[in-house]
C-alpha atoms as a PDB file:
ATOM      1  CA  MET A   1      92.857 105.295 101.145  1.00  0.00           C
ATOM      2  CA  ARG A   2      91.006 104.987  98.047  1.00  0.00           C
ATOM      3  CA  PRO A   3      90.130 108.458  97.958  1.00  0.00           C
ATOM      4  CA  ARG A   4      93.626 109.580  98.790  1.00  0.00           C
ATOM      5  CA  LEU A   5      95.286 107.354  96.222  1.00  0.00           C
ATOM      6  CA  ARG A   6      92.955 108.721  93.733  1.00  0.00           C
ATOM      7  CA  LEU A   7      93.214 112.652  94.605  1.00  0.00           C
ATOM      8  CA  ALA A   8      97.449 112.429  94.823  1.00  0.00           C
ATOM      9  CA  ALA A   9      96.815 110.846  91.384  1.00  0.00           C
ATOM     10  CA  GLY A  10      95.053 113.617  90.704  1.00  0.00           C
ATOM     11  CA  VAL A  11      96.748 116.429  91.401  1.00  0.00           C
ATOM     12  CA  LEU A  12      99.960 114.906  90.542  1.00  0.00           C
ATOM     13  CA  ALA A  13      98.034 114.143  86.587  1.00  0.00           C
ATOM     14  CA  ALA A  14      97.508 117.943  86.791  1.00  0.00           C
ATOM     15  CA  ALA A  15     100.440 118.738  87.612  1.00  0.00           C
ATOM     16  CA  GLY A  16     102.413 116.317  84.707  1.00  0.00           C
ATOM     17  CA  VAL A  17      99.807 118.079  81.793  1.00  0.00           C
ATOM     18  CA  VAL A  18     101.666 121.316  82.648  1.00  0.00           C
ATOM     19  CA  ALA A  19     105.163 119.568  82.191  1.00  0.00           C
ATOM     20  CA  CYS A  20     103.758 117.651  79.761  1.00  0.00           C
ATOM     21  CA  SER A  21     103.075 120.695  78.117  1.00  0.00           C
ATOM     22  CA  ASN A  22     106.395 122.879  79.187  1.00  0.00           C
ATOM     23  CA  PRO A  23     108.527 123.363  76.338  1.00  0.00           C
ATOM     24  CA  LEU A  24     111.022 123.305  78.214  1.00  0.00           C
ATOM     25  CA  GLY A  25     110.469 120.256  80.589  1.00  0.00           C
ATOM     26  CA  ARG A  26     111.344 116.238  79.126  1.00  0.00           C
ATOM     27  CA  GLN A  27     108.449 115.626  77.011  1.00  0.00           C
ATOM     28  CA  TYR A  28     106.716 112.547  76.087  1.00  0.00           C
ATOM     29  CA  GLU A  29     105.032 111.334  72.972  1.00  0.00           C
ATOM     30  CA  TYR A  30     103.142 108.501  75.207  1.00  0.00           C
ATOM     31  CA  ASP A  31     103.990 108.058  79.070  1.00  0.00           C
ATOM     32  CA  GLU A  32     102.451 106.049  81.588  1.00  0.00           C
ATOM     33  CA  GLN A  33     102.563 107.112  85.573  1.00  0.00           C
ATOM     34  CA  THR A  34     101.524 104.355  88.008  1.00  0.00           C
ATOM     35  CA  TYR A  35     100.870 105.442  91.699  1.00  0.00           C
ATOM     36  CA  LEU A  36     101.152 102.028  93.756  1.00  0.00           C
ATOM     37  CA  THR A  37      99.954 101.277  97.539  1.00  0.00           C
ATOM     38  CA  VAL A  38     101.687  98.737  99.569  1.00  0.00           C
ATOM     39  CA  ASP A  39      98.901  97.111  99.995  1.00  0.00           C
ATOM     40  CA  GLY A  40      98.540  96.565  95.864  1.00  0.00           C
ATOM     41  CA  ARG A  41      96.271  98.676  95.073  1.00  0.00           C
ATOM     42  CA  ALA A  42      97.027 101.532  91.989  1.00  0.00           C
ATOM     43  CA  THR A  43      95.833 104.461  89.854  1.00  0.00           C
ATOM     44  CA  VAL A  44      97.479 104.986  86.466  1.00  0.00           C
ATOM     45  CA  VAL A  45      97.842 108.229  84.405  1.00  0.00           C
ATOM     46  CA  VAL A  46      98.244 107.628  80.976  1.00  0.00           C
ATOM     47  CA  ASN A  47      99.299 111.308  78.604  1.00  0.00           C
ATOM     48  CA  THR A  48      99.096 110.434  74.829  1.00  0.00           C
ATOM     49  CA  SER A  49      99.216 111.995  71.474  1.00  0.00           C
ATOM     50  CA  LEU A  50      96.132 110.553  69.862  1.00  0.00           C
ATOM     51  CA  PRO A  51      98.145 109.145  67.103  1.00  0.00           C
ATOM     52  CA  ALA A  52     100.495 107.305  69.787  1.00  0.00           C
ATOM     53  CA  LEU A  53      97.051 105.796  71.330  1.00  0.00           C
ATOM     54  CA  VAL A  54      96.333 104.594  67.836  1.00  0.00           C
ATOM     55  CA  ALA A  55      99.773 103.220  67.080  1.00  0.00           C
ATOM     56  CA  LEU A  56     100.721 101.732  70.506  1.00  0.00           C
ATOM     57  CA  ARG A  57      97.131 101.062  72.165  1.00  0.00           C
ATOM     58  CA  GLY A  58      94.971  99.922  68.828  1.00  0.00           C
ATOM     59  CA  ALA A  59      92.389 102.676  70.247  1.00  0.00           C
ATOM     60  CA  ARG A  60      89.850 103.347  67.457  1.00  0.00           C
ATOM     61  CA  VAL A  61      89.631 106.769  67.508  1.00  0.00           C
ATOM     62  CA  ASP A  62      90.208 109.783  64.988  1.00  0.00           C
ATOM     63  CA  PRO A  63      93.916 111.136  65.522  1.00  0.00           C
ATOM     64  CA  LYS A  64      93.510 113.639  63.298  1.00  0.00           C
ATOM     65  CA  VAL A  65      94.183 117.099  65.100  1.00  0.00           C
ATOM     66  CA  ASP A  66      91.149 118.849  64.407  1.00  0.00           C
ATOM     67  CA  GLY A  67      89.137 114.662  63.819  1.00  0.00           C
ATOM     68  CA  ALA A  68      86.131 113.628  65.470  1.00  0.00           C
ATOM     69  CA  ALA A  69      87.385 112.158  68.388  1.00  0.00           C
ATOM     70  CA  ASP A  70      85.883 113.383  72.117  1.00  0.00           C
ATOM     71  CA  ARG A  71      87.108 112.524  75.653  1.00  0.00           C
ATOM     72  CA  ASP A  72      83.289 110.842  76.456  1.00  0.00           C
ATOM     73  CA  GLY A  73      84.215 108.478  73.127  1.00  0.00           C
ATOM     74  CA  ILE A  74      87.578 107.415  75.250  1.00  0.00           C
ATOM     75  CA  LYS A  75      85.926 107.152  78.081  1.00  0.00           C
ATOM     76  CA  GLN A  76      83.597 104.656  76.614  1.00  0.00           C
ATOM     77  CA  LEU A  77      85.970 102.794  74.470  1.00  0.00           C
ATOM     78  CA  TYR A  78      87.829 102.063  77.652  1.00  0.00           C
ATOM     79  CA  GLU A  79      85.275 101.278  80.139  1.00  0.00           C
ATOM     80  CA  SER A  80      83.786  98.475  77.361  1.00  0.00           C
ATOM     81  CA  ALA A  81      87.395  97.169  76.889  1.00  0.00           C
ATOM     82  CA  GLY A  82      87.436  96.472  80.834  1.00  0.00           C
ATOM     83  CA  CYS A  83      88.855  99.687  82.030  1.00  0.00           C
ATOM     84  CA  THR A  84      87.583 101.386  85.349  1.00  0.00           C
ATOM     85  CA  VAL A  85      88.560 104.647  83.852  1.00  0.00           C
ATOM     86  CA  ASP A  86      88.178 107.980  86.493  1.00  0.00           C
ATOM     87  CA  LYS A  87      88.496 110.687  84.097  1.00  0.00           C
ATOM     88  CA  VAL A  88      89.399 111.572  80.632  1.00  0.00           C
ATOM     89  CA  GLY A  89      90.782 114.949  81.117  1.00  0.00           C
ATOM     90  CA  ARG A  90      91.033 117.870  78.494  1.00  0.00           C
ATOM     91  CA  PHE A  91      92.506 118.118  75.155  1.00  0.00           C
ATOM     92  CA  TRP A  92      95.932 120.091  74.955  1.00  0.00           C
ATOM     93  CA  TYR A  93      98.084 120.487  71.633  1.00  0.00           C
ATOM     94  CA  ARG A  94     101.454 120.017  70.769  1.00  0.00           C
ATOM     95  CA  ARG A  95     103.749 120.325  67.500  1.00  0.00           C
ATOM     96  CA  GLY A  96     100.799 119.449  65.702  1.00  0.00           C
ATOM     97  CA  ARG A  97      98.968 116.978  67.773  1.00  0.00           C
ATOM     98  CA  ARG A  98      96.228 116.325  69.856  1.00  0.00           C
ATOM     99  CA  PHE A  99      97.041 114.661  73.515  1.00  0.00           C
ATOM    100  CA  VAL A 100      94.577 113.282  76.143  1.00  0.00           C
ATOM    101  CA  GLN A 101      95.374 111.983  79.726  1.00  0.00           C
ATOM    102  CA  ILE A 102      93.244 109.275  80.537  1.00  0.00           C
ATOM    103  CA  GLN A 103      93.374 108.118  84.430  1.00  0.00           C
ATOM    104  CA  VAL A 104      92.185 104.735  85.106  1.00  0.00           C
ATOM    105  CA  SER A 105      92.804 102.533  88.547  1.00  0.00           C
ATOM    106  CA  ALA A 106      92.161  99.080  89.758  1.00  0.00           C
ATOM    107  CA  ASN A 107      92.119  97.568  93.213  1.00  0.00           C
ATOM    108  CA  ASP A 108      94.491  95.273  92.611  1.00  0.00           C
ATOM    109  CA  VAL A 109      97.804  96.421  90.134  1.00  0.00           C
ATOM    110  CA  ARG A 110      97.868  93.005  89.273  1.00  0.00           C
ATOM    111  CA  SER A 111      94.660  93.019  86.953  1.00  0.00           C
ATOM    112  CA  LEU A 112      95.614  96.137  84.906  1.00  0.00           C
ATOM    113  CA  THR A 113      96.006  93.346  82.799  1.00  0.00           C
ATOM    114  CA  LYS A 114      92.353  93.333  81.893  1.00  0.00           C
ATOM    115  CA  CYS A 115      92.123  96.704  81.207  1.00  0.00           C
ATOM    116  CA  GLY A 116      92.318  97.497  77.079  1.00  0.00           C
ATOM    117  CA  LEU A 117      94.646 100.540  77.689  1.00  0.00           C
ATOM    118  CA  LEU A 118      97.059  98.807  80.281  1.00  0.00           C
ATOM    119  CA  SER A 119      97.011  95.031  78.483  1.00  0.00           C
ATOM    120  CA  TRP A 120     100.556  95.154  76.820  1.00  0.00           C
ATOM    121  CA  SER A 121     102.007  94.786  80.275  1.00  0.00           C
ATOM    122  CA  SER A 122     102.136  92.343  82.669  1.00  0.00           C
ATOM    123  CA  TYR A 123     102.339  93.183  86.648  1.00  0.00           C
ATOM    124  CA  VAL A 124     103.550  91.913  89.362  1.00  0.00           C
ATOM    125  CA  LEU A 125     103.454  92.971  93.408  1.00  0.00           C
ATOM    126  CA  GLY A 126     104.934  90.506  96.046  1.00  0.00           C
ATOM    127  CA  PRO A 127     107.734  89.714  99.087  1.00  0.00           C
ATOM    128  CA  ASP A 128     111.084  90.441  97.539  1.00  0.00           C
ATOM    129  CA  PRO A 129     112.522  87.598  97.350  1.00  0.00           C
ATOM    130  CA  VAL A 130     116.092  89.061  98.828  1.00  0.00           C
ATOM    131  CA  THR A 131     114.333  90.803 102.103  1.00  0.00           C
ATOM    132  CA  PRO A 132     112.136  89.530 103.622  1.00  0.00           C
ATOM    133  CA  ASP A 133     110.251  92.334 104.745  1.00  0.00           C
ATOM    134  CA  GLY A 134     110.068  94.100 101.771  1.00  0.00           C
ATOM    135  CA  LEU A 135     108.303  94.211  98.564  1.00  0.00           C
ATOM    136  CA  GLN A 136     109.121  93.811  94.435  1.00  0.00           C
ATOM    137  CA  PHE A 137     107.182  94.997  91.961  1.00  0.00           C
ATOM    138  CA  LYS A 138     107.910  93.581  88.104  1.00  0.00           C
ATOM    139  CA  GLN A 139     106.430  95.286  85.130  1.00  0.00           C
ATOM    140  CA  ASP A 140     107.024  93.836  81.484  1.00  0.00           C
ATOM    141  CA  VAL A 141     105.926  95.322  78.720  1.00  0.00           C
ATOM    142  CA  GLY A 142     105.262  93.377  75.663  1.00  0.00           C
ATOM    143  CA  ALA A 143     104.586  94.670  71.915  1.00  0.00           C
ATOM    144  CA  PRO A 144     102.321  97.348  71.127  1.00  0.00           C
ATOM    145  CA  ALA A 145      98.868  96.545  69.290  1.00  0.00           C
ATOM    146  CA  GLY A 146     100.515  98.377  66.283  1.00  0.00           C
ATOM    147  CA  GLY A 147      97.275 100.377  64.902  1.00  0.00           C
ATOM    148  CA  ASP A 148      97.618 102.722  61.488  1.00  0.00           C
ATOM    149  CA  PRO A 149      97.494 106.303  62.771  1.00  0.00           C
ATOM    150  CA  GLY A 150      98.100 107.852  59.342  1.00  0.00           C
ATOM    151  CA  THR A 151     100.820 110.045  57.976  1.00  0.00           C
ATOM    152  CA  ILE A 152     102.204 111.262  61.379  1.00  0.00           C
ATOM    153  CA  ASN A 153     105.075 114.233  61.747  1.00  0.00           C
ATOM    154  CA  TRP A 154     107.683 112.077  63.842  1.00  0.00           C
ATOM    155  CA  ASP A 155     110.942 110.924  63.653  1.00  0.00           C
ATOM    156  CA  GLY A 156     111.348 107.751  65.621  1.00  0.00           C
ATOM    157  CA  SER A 157     113.471 109.820  68.462  1.00  0.00           C
ATOM    158  CA  GLU A 158     109.988 110.872  70.193  1.00  0.00           C
ATOM    159  CA  LEU A 159     110.064 109.262  73.790  1.00  0.00           C
ATOM    160  CA  ILE A 160     107.935 107.100  75.545  1.00  0.00           C
ATOM    161  CA  ALA A 161     108.133 106.555  79.532  1.00  0.00           C
ATOM    162  CA  PHE A 162     107.059 104.162  82.189  1.00  0.00           C
ATOM    163  CA  LYS A 163     107.167 105.980  85.350  1.00  0.00           C
ATOM    164  CA  LEU A 164     106.608 104.240  88.740  1.00  0.00           C
ATOM    165  CA  HIS A 165     105.254 106.105  91.710  1.00  0.00           C
ATOM    166  CA  ALA A 166     106.317 103.558  94.464  1.00  0.00           C
ATOM    167  CA  PRO A 167     104.585 103.911  97.938  1.00  0.00           C
ATOM    168  CA  SER A 168     107.667 103.387 100.256  1.00  0.00           C
ATOM    169  CA  ARG A 169     111.624 103.761 100.314  1.00  0.00           C
ATOM    170  CA  ILE A 170     113.050 102.242  96.874  1.00  0.00           C
ATOM    171  CA  ARG A 171     116.057  99.903  98.051  1.00  0.00           C
ATOM    172  CA  TYR A 172     117.053  98.254  94.549  1.00  0.00           C
ATOM    173  CA  HIS A 173     115.901  99.679  90.752  1.00  0.00           C
ATOM    174  CA  ASN A 174     116.874  98.224  87.285  1.00  0.00           C
ATOM    175  CA  VAL A 175     116.524 101.932  85.677  1.00  0.00           C
ATOM    176  CA  LYS A 176     118.761 103.032  82.682  1.00  0.00           C
ATOM    177  CA  LYS A 177     118.868 106.432  80.938  1.00  0.00           C
ATOM    178  CA  LEU A 178     118.619 106.089  77.071  1.00  0.00           C
ATOM    179  CA  ASP A 179     122.461 106.619  77.379  1.00  0.00           C
ATOM    180  CA  GLY A 180     122.829 103.823  79.406  1.00  0.00           C
ATOM    181  CA  THR A 181     123.641 105.016  82.388  1.00  0.00           C
ATOM    182  CA  ASP A 182     122.196 104.387  85.970  1.00  0.00           C
ATOM    183  CA  GLY A 183     118.775 106.091  86.359  1.00  0.00           C
ATOM    184  CA  THR A 184     118.117 108.527  89.491  1.00  0.00           C
ATOM    185  CA  THR A 185     115.406 108.921  91.563  1.00  0.00           C
ATOM    186  CA  GLU A 186     112.976 111.828  91.593  1.00  0.00           C
ATOM    187  CA  ARG A 187     111.835 112.386  95.588  1.00  0.00           C
ATOM    188  CA  GLY A 188     113.381 109.286  96.663  1.00  0.00           C
ATOM    189  CA  ASN A 189     111.026 106.859  95.247  1.00  0.00           C
ATOM    190  CA  ILE A 190     109.947 107.862  91.826  1.00  0.00           C
ATOM    191  CA  PHE A 191     111.288 106.174  88.567  1.00  0.00           C
ATOM    192  CA  THR A 192     110.997 106.376  85.070  1.00  0.00           C
ATOM    193  CA  TRP A 193     111.857 104.010  82.385  1.00  0.00           C
ATOM    194  CA  GLU A 194     111.938 105.611  78.636  1.00  0.00           C
ATOM    195  CA  GLN A 195     112.276 103.909  75.001  1.00  0.00           C
ATOM    196  CA  THR A 196     112.467 106.038  71.734  1.00  0.00           C
ATOM    197  CA  LEU A 197     109.231 105.558  70.327  1.00  0.00           C
ATOM    198  CA  ALA A 198     110.783 103.971  67.057  1.00  0.00           C
ATOM    199  CA  ASP A 199     111.928 101.376  70.069  1.00  0.00           C
ATOM    200  CA  ARG A 200     108.297 100.882  71.596  1.00  0.00           C
ATOM    201  CA  ARG A 201     106.708 100.464  68.234  1.00  0.00           C
ATOM    202  CA  SER A 202     109.081  97.941  67.167  1.00  0.00           C
ATOM    203  CA  GLY A 203     108.030  95.854  70.462  1.00  0.00           C
ATOM    204  CA  LYS A 204     111.588  96.028  72.082  1.00  0.00           C
ATOM    205  CA  PRO A 205     110.494  94.692  75.419  1.00  0.00           C
ATOM    206  CA  LEU A 206     110.962  96.360  78.543  1.00  0.00           C
ATOM    207  CA  ALA A 207     111.063  95.025  82.127  1.00  0.00           C
ATOM    208  CA  MET A 208     111.069  96.578  84.930  1.00  0.00           C
ATOM    209  CA  GLU A 209     112.078  95.925  88.614  1.00  0.00           C
ATOM    210  CA  VAL A 210     111.929  97.771  92.186  1.00  0.00           C
ATOM    211  CA  ARG A 211     112.278  96.541  95.169  1.00  0.00           C
ATOM    212  CA  MET A 212     110.795  98.327  98.264  1.00  0.00           C
ATOM    213  CA  ASP A 213     110.146  98.645 102.028  1.00  0.00           C
ATOM    214  CA  SER A 214     106.801  97.408 103.148  1.00  0.00           C
ATOM    215  CA  THR A 215     105.666 100.252 105.054  1.00  0.00           C
ATOM    216  CA  SER A 216     104.112 103.276 103.275  1.00  0.00           C
ATOM    217  CA  ILE A 217     105.909 106.255 103.287  1.00  0.00           C
ATOM    218  CA  LEU A 218     103.207 108.779 103.927  1.00  0.00           C
ATOM    219  CA  TYR A 219     102.665 106.009 107.343  1.00  0.00           C
ATOM    220  CA  THR A 220     106.018 106.370 108.030  1.00  0.00           C
ATOM    221  CA  THR A 221     105.442 110.422 108.049  1.00  0.00           C
ATOM    222  CA  ILE A 222     102.143 110.514 109.729  1.00  0.00           C
ATOM    223  CA  TRP A 223     104.484 108.845 112.974  1.00  0.00           C
ATOM    224  CA  LEU A 224     107.349 111.190 112.709  1.00  0.00           C
ATOM    225  CA  PHE A 225     104.764 114.103 112.622  1.00  0.00           C
ATOM    226  CA  ALA A 226     103.110 112.517 115.667  1.00  0.00           C
ATOM    227  CA  GLY A 227     106.041 111.885 117.630  1.00  0.00           C
ATOM    228  CA  ALA A 228     107.442 114.962 117.123  1.00  0.00           C
ATOM    229  CA  PHE A 229     104.144 116.812 117.854  1.00  0.00           C
ATOM    230  CA  VAL A 230     103.737 114.066 121.159  1.00  0.00           C
ATOM    231  CA  ALA A 231     107.516 115.584 122.248  1.00  0.00           C
ATOM    232  CA  ALA A 232     106.680 119.397 121.677  1.00  0.00           C
ATOM    233  CA  VAL A 233     103.974 118.589 123.951  1.00  0.00           C
ATOM    234  CA  GLY A 234     105.456 116.947 126.882  1.00  0.00           C
ATOM    235  CA  VAL A 235     108.433 119.904 126.743  1.00  0.00           C
ATOM    236  CA  LEU A 236     105.628 122.273 126.728  1.00  0.00           C
ATOM    237  CA  VAL A 237     103.912 120.925 129.944  1.00  0.00           C
ATOM    238  CA  PHE A 238     107.104 119.957 131.477  1.00  0.00           C
ATOM    239  CA  LEU A 239     108.104 123.936 131.292  1.00  0.00           C
ATOM    240  CA  ILE A 240     104.581 125.091 132.355  1.00  0.00           C
ATOM    241  CA  TRP A 241     105.295 122.966 135.354  1.00  0.00           C
ATOM    242  CA  MET A 242     108.995 124.200 136.246  1.00  0.00           C
ATOM    243  CA  THR A 243     107.818 127.701 136.057  1.00  0.00           C
ATOM    244  CA  ILE A 244     104.728 126.710 138.475  1.00  0.00           C
ATOM    245  CA  ARG A 245     106.830 124.753 140.861  1.00  0.00           C
ATOM    246  CA  LYS A 246     109.722 127.741 140.758  1.00  0.00           C
ATOM    247  CA  GLY A 247     107.055 130.278 141.614  1.00  0.00           C
ATOM    248  CA  ARG A 248     105.479 128.029 144.337  1.00  0.00           C
ATOM    249  CA  GLN A 249     109.341 127.395 145.812  1.00  0.00           C
ATOM    250  CA  SER A 250     109.807 131.431 146.043  1.00  0.00           C
ATOM    251  CA  PRO A 251     109.891 133.252 148.945  1.00  0.00           C
ATOM    252  CA  LEU A 252     107.278 136.455 148.853  1.00  0.00           C
ATOM    253  CA  LYS A 253     108.949 139.602 149.613  1.00  0.00           C
ATOM    254  CA  PRO A 254     107.846 141.686 152.668  1.00  0.00           C
END
């Protein structure tokens, strides 16, 4: 399952890069996308501008658009900070700033706090206290590292996002949009919590909670397809048997 999780995260992350660079899509200065499995394994894809990586996570990289930062250096930086780095994507550019994608993984989502890139968060995954056969996921994001990226063309209204790709049907969430209205799901199992860059830099707390089924959507889908396939084969066999039976019962004409 681990290679499948990484593959799915990689495909969706690539789509995320397209979306991040799409001027018509919702654009984030920094976003973390957590791909979770019901047994607790996780892949986290971070899309960020280099200035935000410095300001929010204290990265020791050159944030200038024409600076000396490179992908190998970023990978080594976070591997040395306790992260299992699957890959660092190619740089892209938006509004005079350089962006990068970093993908990390863990066998236990709760151990992501040991990764320097994600250590501002605490993660909880366990039984749902409301529904006995469910799961509860919680992520609390604390204060940023407060690095100094220099003079950047920010106005503070840039968006920061934390997105959960849940592995099963969601029963409850505490998503709120920035305007205070209830958030909505994407495809029924994806939720996004947002803050402004100004709020995130000031350390305004962000607490996320989701309650979900304990059975993976993938397994449910596989069983549905398997059931449909068996039913279709059964109908086909029945029709063939009826055709043969009628042929045997039909009298031969002289």
